[in-house]
Amino acid sequence: MDRVNEIRRGTLQEQTFYEQVGGEETFRRLVHRFYEGVAEDPLLRPMYPEEDLGPAEERFTLFLIQYWGGPTTYSENRGHPRLRMRHAPFAVDRAAHDAWLKHMRVAVEELGLSEEHEHTLWNYLTYAAASMVNTEG
């Protein structure tokens, strides 16, 4: 009888969240849909000084990909994320927070993720949005 090799506990690599939800394509869809909303939003659009939202969309996509366990392209190109510092020049109040989450909610729902994955992603996004608020209003 052939000897069956046992796989010791802890030797199998688990999939990252990034891989579980569909990898780069999922995050590109999420961020693209989000920026479609931002482009039409009178409160958020002025916070993006570039005429074309494409560069901001790419930076945010690469950040989320890296955060969730994908390639580290964001840090290789831009260094440490330093999110609060990068957002400090913009007055982010509760109204901006709410508008940001409104557009992100639409984008998340359109992904069609499992309930567990959607919940995990949404918890992070609501935490991140709250941590960017830097002014009363």
N, C-alpha and C. Protein backbone atom coordinates (compact mmCIF):
# COMPACT_ATOMS: atom_id res chain seq x y z
N MET A 1 0.85 -1.19 0.00
CA MET A 1 0.00 0.00 0.00
C MET A 1 0.88 1.24 0.00
N ASP A 2 0.52 2.21 -0.85
CA ASP A 2 1.29 3.45 -0.92
C ASP A 2 1.14 4.23 0.38
N ARG A 3 2.25 4.81 0.76
CA ARG A 3 2.23 5.62 1.97
C ARG A 3 1.64 6.99 1.65
N VAL A 4 0.68 7.43 2.42
CA VAL A 4 0.06 8.73 2.25
C VAL A 4 0.81 9.72 3.13
N ASN A 5 1.30 10.78 2.49
CA ASN A 5 1.99 11.81 3.27
C ASN A 5 0.96 12.71 3.92
N GLU A 6 1.12 12.89 5.21
CA GLU A 6 0.23 13.80 5.92
C GLU A 6 0.70 15.23 5.72
N ILE A 7 -0.25 16.11 5.64
CA ILE A 7 0.08 17.53 5.58
C ILE A 7 -0.05 18.05 7.01
N ARG A 8 1.07 18.51 7.53
CA ARG A 8 1.05 18.99 8.91
C ARG A 8 0.22 20.25 9.03
N ARG A 9 -0.42 20.37 10.16
CA ARG A 9 -1.24 21.54 10.45
C ARG A 9 -0.40 22.81 10.32
N GLY A 10 -0.97 23.84 9.68
CA GLY A 10 -0.30 25.11 9.56
C GLY A 10 0.64 25.22 8.37
N THR A 11 0.69 24.20 7.52
CA THR A 11 1.61 24.27 6.39
C THR A 11 0.94 24.73 5.11
N LEU A 12 -0.37 24.70 5.07
CA LEU A 12 -1.06 25.17 3.88
C LEU A 12 -1.25 26.68 3.98
N GLN A 13 -0.96 27.37 2.91
CA GLN A 13 -1.14 28.81 2.90
C GLN A 13 -2.60 29.12 2.62
N GLU A 14 -3.17 29.97 3.46
CA GLU A 14 -4.56 30.36 3.23
C GLU A 14 -4.62 31.46 2.19
N GLN A 15 -5.74 31.53 1.50
CA GLN A 15 -5.95 32.60 0.52
C GLN A 15 -6.14 33.92 1.24
N THR A 16 -5.61 34.97 0.65
CA THR A 16 -5.85 36.31 1.19
C THR A 16 -7.27 36.74 0.83
N PHE A 17 -7.75 37.75 1.52
CA PHE A 17 -9.05 38.33 1.19
C PHE A 17 -9.06 38.76 -0.28
N TYR A 18 -7.97 39.37 -0.70
CA TYR A 18 -7.80 39.79 -2.10
C TYR A 18 -8.09 38.64 -3.06
N GLU A 19 -7.52 37.48 -2.79
CA GLU A 19 -7.74 36.31 -3.65
C GLU A 19 -9.16 35.77 -3.52
N GLN A 20 -9.67 35.76 -2.30
CA GLN A 20 -11.01 35.21 -2.05
C GLN A 20 -12.10 35.95 -2.81
N VAL A 21 -11.94 37.26 -2.96
CA VAL A 21 -13.00 38.06 -3.59
C VAL A 21 -12.80 38.26 -5.09
N GLY A 22 -11.75 37.69 -5.66
CA GLY A 22 -11.59 37.77 -7.11
C GLY A 22 -10.40 38.58 -7.59
N GLY A 23 -9.56 39.01 -6.65
CA GLY A 23 -8.31 39.66 -7.03
C GLY A 23 -8.47 41.04 -7.64
N GLU A 24 -7.51 41.39 -8.48
CA GLU A 24 -7.41 42.73 -9.04
C GLU A 24 -8.69 43.19 -9.73
N GLU A 25 -9.30 42.31 -10.48
CA GLU A 25 -10.49 42.69 -11.24
C GLU A 25 -11.61 43.19 -10.31
N THR A 26 -11.78 42.56 -9.17
CA THR A 26 -12.81 42.96 -8.22
C THR A 26 -12.53 44.36 -7.68
N PHE A 27 -11.28 44.61 -7.31
CA PHE A 27 -10.95 45.92 -6.75
C PHE A 27 -11.00 47.02 -7.80
N ARG A 28 -10.65 46.69 -9.03
CA ARG A 28 -10.77 47.68 -10.12
C ARG A 28 -12.24 48.04 -10.35
N ARG A 29 -13.12 47.04 -10.33
CA ARG A 29 -14.55 47.30 -10.50
C ARG A 29 -15.08 48.16 -9.36
N LEU A 30 -14.70 47.81 -8.13
CA LEU A 30 -15.14 48.55 -6.95
C LEU A 30 -14.77 50.03 -7.06
N VAL A 31 -13.50 50.29 -7.30
CA VAL A 31 -13.02 51.66 -7.30
C VAL A 31 -13.53 52.44 -8.51
N HIS A 32 -13.64 51.77 -9.65
CA HIS A 32 -14.16 52.47 -10.83
C HIS A 32 -15.60 52.91 -10.59
N ARG A 33 -16.40 52.02 -10.04
CA ARG A 33 -17.80 52.37 -9.77
C ARG A 33 -17.89 53.49 -8.73
N PHE A 34 -17.04 53.42 -7.71
CA PHE A 34 -16.99 54.47 -6.70
C PHE A 34 -16.69 55.82 -7.34
N TYR A 35 -15.69 55.88 -8.20
CA TYR A 35 -15.31 57.16 -8.81
C TYR A 35 -16.33 57.65 -9.83
N GLU A 36 -17.16 56.77 -10.36
CA GLU A 36 -18.27 57.24 -11.19
C GLU A 36 -19.19 58.12 -10.35
N GLY A 37 -19.42 57.70 -9.10
CA GLY A 37 -20.25 58.50 -8.20
C GLY A 37 -19.57 59.79 -7.79
N VAL A 38 -18.28 59.71 -7.47
CA VAL A 38 -17.51 60.89 -7.06
C VAL A 38 -17.51 61.94 -8.17
N ALA A 39 -17.38 61.51 -9.40
CA ALA A 39 -17.31 62.44 -10.54
C ALA A 39 -18.53 63.35 -10.61
N GLU A 40 -19.67 62.86 -10.15
CA GLU A 40 -20.92 63.63 -10.22
C GLU A 40 -21.29 64.27 -8.90
N ASP A 41 -20.45 64.12 -7.88
CA ASP A 41 -20.80 64.60 -6.55
C ASP A 41 -20.25 66.01 -6.32
N PRO A 42 -21.13 67.01 -6.09
CA PRO A 42 -20.67 68.39 -5.93
C PRO A 42 -19.83 68.62 -4.66
N LEU A 43 -19.97 67.77 -3.67
CA LEU A 43 -19.19 67.91 -2.44
C LEU A 43 -17.82 67.25 -2.57
N LEU A 44 -17.78 66.06 -3.14
CA LEU A 44 -16.52 65.30 -3.21
C LEU A 44 -15.64 65.68 -4.40
N ARG A 45 -16.23 65.96 -5.53
CA ARG A 45 -15.44 66.20 -6.75
C ARG A 45 -14.38 67.29 -6.57
N PRO A 46 -14.68 68.40 -5.88
CA PRO A 46 -13.65 69.43 -5.70
C PRO A 46 -12.44 68.97 -4.87
N MET A 47 -12.57 67.88 -4.14
CA MET A 47 -11.45 67.37 -3.34
C MET A 47 -10.40 66.67 -4.20
N TYR A 48 -10.71 66.48 -5.46
CA TYR A 48 -9.79 65.83 -6.38
C TYR A 48 -9.30 66.88 -7.37
N PRO A 49 -8.13 67.45 -7.11
CA PRO A 49 -7.66 68.58 -7.93
C PRO A 49 -7.32 68.22 -9.37
N GLU A 50 -7.00 66.96 -9.63
CA GLU A 50 -6.68 66.57 -11.00
C GLU A 50 -7.95 66.61 -11.86
N GLU A 51 -7.82 67.14 -13.05
CA GLU A 51 -8.97 67.22 -13.95
C GLU A 51 -9.52 65.84 -14.26
N ASP A 52 -8.61 64.90 -14.45
CA ASP A 52 -8.96 63.52 -14.74
C ASP A 52 -8.88 62.72 -13.45
N LEU A 53 -9.95 62.02 -13.10
CA LEU A 53 -9.95 61.21 -11.88
C LEU A 53 -9.15 59.92 -12.02
N GLY A 54 -8.70 59.63 -13.23
CA GLY A 54 -7.98 58.38 -13.48
C GLY A 54 -6.80 58.12 -12.56
N PRO A 55 -5.90 59.09 -12.35
CA PRO A 55 -4.78 58.85 -11.45
C PRO A 55 -5.21 58.56 -10.01
N ALA A 56 -6.21 59.27 -9.51
CA ALA A 56 -6.72 59.01 -8.16
C ALA A 56 -7.33 57.61 -8.10
N GLU A 57 -8.06 57.26 -9.13
CA GLU A 57 -8.67 55.93 -9.20
C GLU A 57 -7.59 54.85 -9.16
N GLU A 58 -6.53 55.04 -9.91
CA GLU A 58 -5.45 54.05 -9.93
C GLU A 58 -4.76 53.95 -8.58
N ARG A 59 -4.49 55.08 -7.94
CA ARG A 59 -3.83 55.06 -6.63
C ARG A 59 -4.70 54.33 -5.60
N PHE A 60 -5.99 54.64 -5.59
CA PHE A 60 -6.89 54.01 -4.62
C PHE A 60 -7.01 52.51 -4.89
N THR A 61 -7.08 52.13 -6.15
CA THR A 61 -7.15 50.72 -6.50
C THR A 61 -5.91 49.99 -5.99
N LEU A 62 -4.75 50.53 -6.29
CA LEU A 62 -3.50 49.88 -5.86
C LEU A 62 -3.39 49.82 -4.35
N PHE A 63 -3.86 50.86 -3.67
CA PHE A 63 -3.85 50.84 -2.20
C PHE A 63 -4.71 49.69 -1.68
N LEU A 64 -5.95 49.60 -2.16
CA LEU A 64 -6.85 48.55 -1.67
C LEU A 64 -6.33 47.16 -2.02
N ILE A 65 -5.78 47.00 -3.20
CA ILE A 65 -5.20 45.71 -3.58
C ILE A 65 -4.12 45.31 -2.59
N GLN A 66 -3.24 46.24 -2.28
CA GLN A 66 -2.15 45.93 -1.34
C GLN A 66 -2.70 45.68 0.06
N TYR A 67 -3.62 46.52 0.52
CA TYR A 67 -4.18 46.38 1.86
C TYR A 67 -4.78 45.00 2.08
N TRP A 68 -5.46 44.50 1.06
CA TRP A 68 -6.18 43.23 1.21
C TRP A 68 -5.35 42.00 0.83
N GLY A 69 -4.06 42.19 0.60
CA GLY A 69 -3.20 41.02 0.42
C GLY A 69 -2.72 40.78 -0.99
N GLY A 70 -2.93 41.72 -1.89
CA GLY A 70 -2.44 41.57 -3.26
C GLY A 70 -1.04 42.14 -3.41
N PRO A 71 -0.62 42.35 -4.63
CA PRO A 71 0.72 42.89 -4.89
C PRO A 71 0.95 44.23 -4.18
N THR A 72 2.20 44.50 -3.87
CA THR A 72 2.58 45.70 -3.11
C THR A 72 2.98 46.86 -4.02
N THR A 73 2.38 46.93 -5.16
CA THR A 73 2.69 47.98 -6.14
C THR A 73 2.51 49.38 -5.56
N TYR A 74 1.47 49.56 -4.74
CA TYR A 74 1.22 50.88 -4.16
C TYR A 74 2.45 51.37 -3.40
N SER A 75 2.94 50.59 -2.46
CA SER A 75 4.09 51.01 -1.66
C SER A 75 5.36 51.12 -2.49
N GLU A 76 5.51 50.26 -3.46
CA GLU A 76 6.69 50.32 -4.33
C GLU A 76 6.72 51.65 -5.09
N ASN A 77 5.55 52.16 -5.47
CA ASN A 77 5.47 53.41 -6.23
C ASN A 77 5.36 54.66 -5.36
N ARG A 78 4.68 54.53 -4.21
CA ARG A 78 4.35 55.73 -3.42
C ARG A 78 4.85 55.71 -1.99
N GLY A 79 5.47 54.64 -1.57
CA GLY A 79 5.92 54.54 -0.19
C GLY A 79 4.77 54.16 0.74
N HIS A 80 4.98 54.41 2.03
CA HIS A 80 3.96 54.09 3.04
C HIS A 80 2.68 54.86 2.74
N PRO A 81 1.51 54.21 2.92
CA PRO A 81 0.25 54.88 2.58
C PRO A 81 0.00 56.20 3.30
N ARG A 82 0.30 56.31 4.58
CA ARG A 82 0.09 57.55 5.34
C ARG A 82 -1.23 58.23 4.97
N LEU A 83 -2.32 57.52 5.11
CA LEU A 83 -3.61 58.00 4.63
C LEU A 83 -4.05 59.32 5.26
N ARG A 84 -3.93 59.44 6.56
CA ARG A 84 -4.38 60.70 7.20
C ARG A 84 -3.54 61.88 6.69
N MET A 85 -2.23 61.67 6.57
CA MET A 85 -1.37 62.74 6.10
C MET A 85 -1.73 63.14 4.66
N ARG A 86 -1.97 62.15 3.81
CA ARG A 86 -2.29 62.44 2.41
C ARG A 86 -3.63 63.16 2.26
N HIS A 87 -4.53 62.95 3.22
CA HIS A 87 -5.84 63.58 3.15
C HIS A 87 -5.91 64.88 3.95
N ALA A 88 -4.88 65.20 4.71
CA ALA A 88 -4.88 66.39 5.56
C ALA A 88 -5.13 67.69 4.82
N PRO A 89 -4.66 67.86 3.58
CA PRO A 89 -4.92 69.14 2.88
C PRO A 89 -6.40 69.39 2.58
N PHE A 90 -7.23 68.38 2.72
CA PHE A 90 -8.64 68.50 2.38
C PHE A 90 -9.48 68.55 3.65
N ALA A 91 -10.45 69.44 3.69
CA ALA A 91 -11.37 69.51 4.82
C ALA A 91 -12.40 68.39 4.67
N VAL A 92 -12.21 67.34 5.45
CA VAL A 92 -13.11 66.19 5.40
C VAL A 92 -14.00 66.26 6.64
N ASP A 93 -15.26 66.63 6.40
CA ASP A 93 -16.21 66.73 7.50
C ASP A 93 -17.21 65.57 7.43
N ARG A 94 -18.19 65.61 8.30
CA ARG A 94 -19.18 64.51 8.36
C ARG A 94 -19.95 64.39 7.04
N ALA A 95 -20.24 65.52 6.41
CA ALA A 95 -20.97 65.48 5.13
C ALA A 95 -20.13 64.78 4.06
N ALA A 96 -18.84 65.07 4.01
CA ALA A 96 -17.96 64.42 3.05
C ALA A 96 -17.84 62.92 3.36
N HIS A 97 -17.74 62.62 4.64
CA HIS A 97 -17.71 61.22 5.10
C HIS A 97 -18.95 60.47 4.59
N ASP A 98 -20.11 61.09 4.81
CA ASP A 98 -21.36 60.44 4.40
C ASP A 98 -21.47 60.29 2.88
N ALA A 99 -21.05 61.31 2.15
CA ALA A 99 -21.09 61.24 0.69
C ALA A 99 -20.14 60.15 0.18
N TRP A 100 -18.96 60.07 0.77
CA TRP A 100 -17.97 59.05 0.38
C TRP A 100 -18.56 57.67 0.59
N LEU A 101 -19.16 57.45 1.76
CA LEU A 101 -19.74 56.14 2.04
C LEU A 101 -20.95 55.84 1.15
N LYS A 102 -21.71 56.86 0.80
CA LYS A 102 -22.87 56.65 -0.09
C LYS A 102 -22.40 56.06 -1.43
N HIS A 103 -21.37 56.65 -2.01
CA HIS A 103 -20.88 56.15 -3.30
C HIS A 103 -20.19 54.80 -3.14
N MET A 104 -19.51 54.62 -2.03
CA MET A 104 -18.84 53.34 -1.81
C MET A 104 -19.85 52.23 -1.57
N ARG A 105 -20.96 52.55 -0.91
CA ARG A 105 -22.01 51.53 -0.67
C ARG A 105 -22.54 50.99 -1.99
N VAL A 106 -22.82 51.89 -2.92
CA VAL A 106 -23.31 51.47 -4.24
C VAL A 106 -22.27 50.56 -4.91
N ALA A 107 -21.02 50.96 -4.86
CA ALA A 107 -19.95 50.19 -5.50
C ALA A 107 -19.80 48.81 -4.86
N VAL A 108 -19.85 48.74 -3.55
CA VAL A 108 -19.72 47.45 -2.85
C VAL A 108 -20.88 46.54 -3.20
N GLU A 109 -22.08 47.08 -3.17
CA GLU A 109 -23.26 46.24 -3.45
C GLU A 109 -23.23 45.68 -4.86
N GLU A 110 -22.70 46.45 -5.80
CA GLU A 110 -22.66 45.97 -7.19
C GLU A 110 -21.64 44.87 -7.42
N LEU A 111 -20.74 44.65 -6.47
CA LEU A 111 -19.75 43.57 -6.62
C LEU A 111 -20.38 42.18 -6.49
N GLY A 112 -21.48 42.09 -5.73
CA GLY A 112 -22.11 40.79 -5.54
C GLY A 112 -21.27 39.83 -4.71
N LEU A 113 -20.58 40.33 -3.71
CA LEU A 113 -19.76 39.49 -2.85
C LEU A 113 -20.63 38.65 -1.93
N SER A 114 -20.03 37.64 -1.33
CA SER A 114 -20.73 36.88 -0.31
C SER A 114 -21.03 37.82 0.86
N GLU A 115 -22.00 37.47 1.66
CA GLU A 115 -22.37 38.30 2.80
C GLU A 115 -21.17 38.52 3.73
N GLU A 116 -20.42 37.48 3.97
CA GLU A 116 -19.25 37.58 4.86
C GLU A 116 -18.18 38.53 4.28
N HIS A 117 -17.89 38.37 3.00
CA HIS A 117 -16.88 39.23 2.38
C HIS A 117 -17.36 40.69 2.33
N GLU A 118 -18.62 40.88 1.99
CA GLU A 118 -19.16 42.24 1.95
C GLU A 118 -19.09 42.89 3.32
N HIS A 119 -19.43 42.14 4.34
CA HIS A 119 -19.40 42.65 5.71
C HIS A 119 -17.97 43.03 6.10
N THR A 120 -17.01 42.19 5.79
CA THR A 120 -15.60 42.47 6.11
C THR A 120 -15.12 43.72 5.40
N LEU A 121 -15.41 43.81 4.12
CA LEU A 121 -15.00 44.97 3.33
C LEU A 121 -15.67 46.24 3.85
N TRP A 122 -16.97 46.17 4.09
CA TRP A 122 -17.72 47.34 4.53
C TRP A 122 -17.24 47.82 5.91
N ASN A 123 -16.94 46.90 6.80
CA ASN A 123 -16.42 47.30 8.12
C ASN A 123 -15.14 48.10 7.97
N TYR A 124 -14.25 47.65 7.11
CA TYR A 124 -13.01 48.38 6.89
C TYR A 124 -13.30 49.76 6.29
N LEU A 125 -14.14 49.82 5.27
CA LEU A 125 -14.41 51.08 4.59
C LEU A 125 -15.05 52.10 5.52
N THR A 126 -15.95 51.67 6.39
CA THR A 126 -16.58 52.61 7.32
C THR A 126 -15.55 53.10 8.35
N TYR A 127 -14.68 52.20 8.79
CA TYR A 127 -13.61 52.60 9.70
C TYR A 127 -12.68 53.61 9.02
N ALA A 128 -12.27 53.31 7.80
CA ALA A 128 -11.36 54.20 7.06
C ALA A 128 -11.99 55.56 6.83
N ALA A 129 -13.27 55.58 6.46
CA ALA A 129 -13.95 56.86 6.23
C ALA A 129 -13.99 57.68 7.51
N ALA A 130 -14.30 57.05 8.61
CA ALA A 130 -14.37 57.77 9.89
C ALA A 130 -13.00 58.32 10.28
N SER A 131 -11.95 57.59 9.98
CA SER A 131 -10.61 58.03 10.39
C SER A 131 -10.09 59.19 9.52
N MET A 132 -10.73 59.47 8.40
CA MET A 132 -10.30 60.57 7.54
C MET A 132 -10.95 61.91 7.92
N VAL A 133 -12.00 61.87 8.75
CA VAL A 133 -12.66 63.10 9.16
C VAL A 133 -11.66 63.94 9.95
N ASN A 134 -11.47 65.17 9.51
CA ASN A 134 -10.47 66.03 10.15
C ASN A 134 -10.98 67.44 10.46
N THR A 135 -12.27 67.64 10.31
CA THR A 135 -12.83 68.97 10.60
C THR A 135 -14.29 68.84 10.99
N GLU A 136 -14.76 69.79 11.77
CA GLU A 136 -16.19 69.83 12.16
C GLU A 136 -17.00 70.33 10.97
N GLY A 137 -18.26 69.97 10.97
CA GLY A 137 -19.11 70.51 9.92
C GLY A 137 -20.19 69.59 9.50
